[in-house]
Protein backbone atom coordinates (compact mmCIF):
# COMPACT_ATOMS: atom_id res chain seq x y z
CA MET A 1 2.94 -71.49 -21.01
CA PRO A 2 2.43 -68.09 -22.67
CA ALA A 3 3.46 -67.79 -26.08
CA PRO A 4 6.37 -65.76 -26.97
CA ALA A 5 5.69 -61.86 -26.69
CA PRO A 6 6.49 -61.31 -30.78
CA ILE A 7 3.75 -64.17 -31.52
CA LEU A 8 1.23 -63.04 -28.71
CA ARG A 9 1.43 -59.63 -29.84
CA ILE A 10 0.56 -61.02 -33.53
CA LEU A 11 -2.15 -62.96 -32.09
CA GLN A 12 -3.42 -60.40 -30.41
CA ARG A 13 -3.67 -58.16 -33.31
CA LEU A 14 -5.29 -60.75 -35.34
CA GLY A 15 -7.67 -61.69 -32.63
CA ARG A 16 -9.30 -58.03 -32.88
CA THR A 17 -10.31 -58.50 -36.34
CA ARG A 18 -14.10 -59.53 -36.96
CA ALA A 19 -12.79 -62.34 -39.49
CA ALA A 20 -10.71 -63.86 -36.67
CA ALA A 21 -13.41 -63.75 -34.27
CA VAL A 22 -15.96 -65.10 -36.28
CA ALA A 23 -13.47 -68.24 -36.92
CA SER A 24 -12.36 -68.21 -33.27
CA LYS A 25 -16.00 -68.75 -32.09
CA ARG A 26 -16.22 -71.96 -34.12
CA ILE A 27 -12.83 -72.99 -33.94
CA VAL A 28 -11.18 -72.45 -30.57
CA PRO A 29 -13.93 -74.07 -28.31
CA THR A 30 -13.83 -77.62 -30.49
CA LEU A 31 -9.90 -77.46 -30.60
CA ASP A 32 -9.92 -76.94 -26.55
CA GLY A 33 -12.12 -79.51 -26.25
CA TRP A 34 -10.30 -82.00 -28.12
CA VAL A 35 -6.82 -81.38 -26.51
CA GLY A 36 -8.69 -80.73 -23.00
CA ARG A 37 -9.89 -84.13 -22.94
CA ALA A 38 -6.70 -85.79 -24.37
CA THR A 39 -4.66 -84.28 -21.79
CA ALA A 40 -7.34 -84.45 -18.82
CA GLY A 41 -7.72 -80.85 -18.82
CA ARG A 42 -4.17 -80.09 -17.77
CA TRP A 43 -3.47 -78.00 -21.11
CA ARG A 44 -5.74 -76.39 -23.83
CA PRO A 45 -4.38 -74.50 -26.83
CA SER A 46 -6.12 -71.22 -25.96
CA ASP A 47 -3.43 -71.19 -22.56
CA VAL A 48 -1.19 -70.01 -25.05
CA LEU A 49 -2.93 -66.52 -25.36
CA PHE A 50 -4.44 -66.22 -22.09
CA PRO A 51 -5.59 -68.30 -18.85
CA THR A 52 -8.22 -70.61 -19.48
CA LEU A 53 -10.84 -72.10 -17.52
CA ILE A 54 -13.89 -74.66 -18.48
CA LEU A 55 -17.01 -73.20 -16.94
CA GLU A 56 -19.60 -75.92 -16.03
CA HIS A 57 -23.05 -74.74 -16.04
CA VAL A 58 -26.60 -75.89 -16.65
CA GLY A 59 -29.11 -74.58 -19.11
CA ARG A 60 -31.77 -72.34 -17.78
CA ARG A 61 -34.42 -73.92 -19.86
CA SER A 62 -33.18 -77.02 -21.13
CA GLY A 63 -31.37 -78.35 -17.55
CA ARG A 64 -28.48 -79.89 -19.75
CA ARG A 65 -25.11 -79.39 -18.32
CA PHE A 66 -22.41 -77.83 -20.61
CA ARG A 67 -18.82 -76.87 -20.58
CA THR A 68 -17.38 -73.82 -22.29
CA PRO A 69 -13.72 -72.82 -22.42
CA LEU A 70 -13.41 -69.40 -21.45
CA ALA A 71 -10.30 -66.58 -20.40
CA TYR A 72 -10.80 -65.33 -17.14
CA VAL A 73 -8.54 -63.32 -14.72
CA ARG A 74 -8.68 -63.42 -10.98
CA ALA A 75 -9.48 -60.72 -8.49
CA PRO A 76 -8.55 -60.87 -5.33
CA GLU A 77 -9.72 -57.91 -4.21
CA LEU A 78 -13.18 -58.96 -5.16
CA ARG A 79 -13.40 -62.09 -2.61
CA ASP A 80 -10.88 -63.79 -4.75
CA ALA A 81 -13.10 -64.14 -7.66
CA TYR A 82 -12.76 -65.69 -11.19
CA VAL A 83 -13.71 -62.94 -13.53
CA LEU A 84 -15.48 -63.89 -17.00
CA ALA A 85 -16.47 -61.45 -19.58
CA ALA A 86 -19.50 -62.51 -21.96
CA THR A 87 -17.99 -60.99 -25.30
CA ASN A 88 -19.23 -63.65 -27.53
CA PHE A 89 -16.19 -62.41 -29.83
CA GLY A 90 -18.10 -59.14 -30.43
CA GLN A 91 -21.49 -60.41 -31.91
CA ALA A 92 -24.72 -58.30 -31.10
CA HIS A 93 -26.34 -61.06 -28.80
CA HIS A 94 -25.22 -62.40 -25.60
CA PRO A 95 -23.64 -65.60 -25.31
CA ALA A 96 -25.76 -68.72 -24.15
CA TRP A 97 -23.41 -69.40 -21.26
CA SER A 98 -24.04 -65.82 -20.04
CA HIS A 99 -27.94 -66.35 -19.73
CA ASN A 100 -27.65 -69.60 -18.15
CA LEU A 101 -24.97 -68.02 -15.22
CA LYS A 102 -27.44 -64.86 -15.01
CA ALA A 103 -30.36 -67.32 -14.32
CA ALA A 104 -27.80 -69.64 -11.86
CA THR A 105 -26.50 -69.11 -8.38
CA GLN A 106 -23.89 -71.66 -8.42
CA ALA A 107 -21.69 -73.01 -11.18
CA ALA A 108 -18.39 -74.93 -11.36
CA VAL A 109 -14.70 -74.35 -13.01
CA VAL A 110 -12.37 -76.44 -14.27
CA ILE A 111 -8.78 -75.28 -14.21
CA LYS A 112 -5.69 -77.70 -14.85
CA GLY A 113 -8.02 -80.75 -14.12
CA GLU A 114 -8.87 -79.41 -10.81
CA ARG A 115 -12.99 -78.57 -10.51
CA VAL A 116 -13.78 -75.90 -8.10
CA ARG A 117 -17.55 -74.89 -7.10
CA LEU A 118 -18.28 -71.61 -6.94
CA ASP A 119 -21.01 -69.12 -6.39
CA VAL A 120 -22.02 -66.92 -9.27
CA ALA A 121 -22.86 -62.91 -9.39
CA LEU A 122 -23.15 -60.35 -12.05
CA ALA A 123 -20.84 -57.84 -11.41
CA SER A 124 -21.95 -54.41 -10.60
CA GLN A 125 -20.71 -51.35 -12.63
CA GLU A 126 -18.27 -50.68 -9.98
CA GLU A 127 -16.94 -54.02 -9.57
CA LYS A 128 -16.65 -54.27 -13.75
CA ALA A 129 -14.99 -50.87 -13.87
CA LEU A 130 -12.36 -52.33 -11.35
CA VAL A 131 -11.76 -55.46 -13.19
CA TRP A 132 -12.22 -54.73 -16.72
CA PRO A 133 -8.81 -53.32 -17.43
CA ARG A 134 -7.38 -56.53 -16.11
CA LEU A 135 -9.55 -58.01 -18.71
CA LEU A 136 -8.19 -56.10 -21.22
CA GLU A 137 -4.71 -57.10 -20.19
CA VAL A 138 -5.32 -60.68 -21.02
CA TRP A 139 -6.96 -60.04 -24.18
CA PRO A 140 -7.09 -56.49 -25.62
CA GLY A 141 -9.63 -57.82 -28.27
CA PHE A 142 -12.11 -57.43 -25.32
CA ALA A 143 -12.64 -53.97 -26.12
CA ASP A 144 -13.08 -54.48 -30.04
CA TYR A 145 -15.60 -57.21 -28.93
CA GLY A 146 -17.75 -54.75 -27.05
CA ASP A 147 -17.52 -51.96 -29.70
CA ARG A 148 -18.72 -54.21 -32.33
CA SER A 149 -21.28 -55.85 -30.37
CA GLY A 150 -23.21 -52.47 -29.60
CA ARG A 151 -24.20 -53.81 -26.20
CA GLU A 152 -23.14 -53.74 -22.64
CA ILE A 153 -21.02 -56.57 -22.12
CA ARG A 154 -21.87 -58.69 -18.97
CA VAL A 155 -19.14 -59.60 -16.72
CA PHE A 156 -19.67 -62.00 -13.99
CA LEU A 157 -17.99 -62.90 -10.80
CA LEU A 158 -17.47 -66.36 -9.74
CA ARG A 159 -16.60 -66.73 -5.97
CA PRO A 160 -15.53 -69.40 -3.51
CA VAL A 161 -18.69 -70.95 -2.17
CA GLU A 162 -19.42 -69.61 1.51
CA GLY A 163 -20.16 -71.83 4.37
CA PRO A 164 -18.81 -74.54 6.21
CA ALA A 165 -17.37 -76.45 3.41
CA GLY A 166 -15.69 -73.23 2.03
CA ALA A 167 -14.37 -73.51 -1.55
CA ALA A 168 -14.53 -77.09 -1.55
CA ARG A 169 -13.25 -78.91 -4.73
CA ALA A 170 -16.49 -80.66 -6.02
CA ARG A 171 -16.11 -83.99 -7.45
């Protein structure tokens, strides 16, 4: 359930500031985790601002399993991909989850309590150019994060697993 338009615009404007980005990096994942667990993943506070999923990924060096709440958009024209932007709230370094995805071939996402296994790919420049405007529609602050970070923002495409199982739900 999105926030009413005037409130959403205010939150989007605040979200573009460096202070909000720093605070959000610490507060949002924790708050989303608490509320998400309490509602069995059916709702998270960030759902008020943009569509949110939980990315389940494995540490490329540690082998540990991680769950990271992230904004996403869908790209039906790119084999119905889930699109993730590795903005890291505008910090100079890439987020850890993006290093893990770069090293992976598959991951899973949880949306509204449903878990789906997906193939992972780093978007090409053409694919990124196609989906970037859609990412900015859901969170205009991504543009500021890219400018502030001084690095190329990675964009990932997570697509339904191909093969006999198709986009089978993984339990």
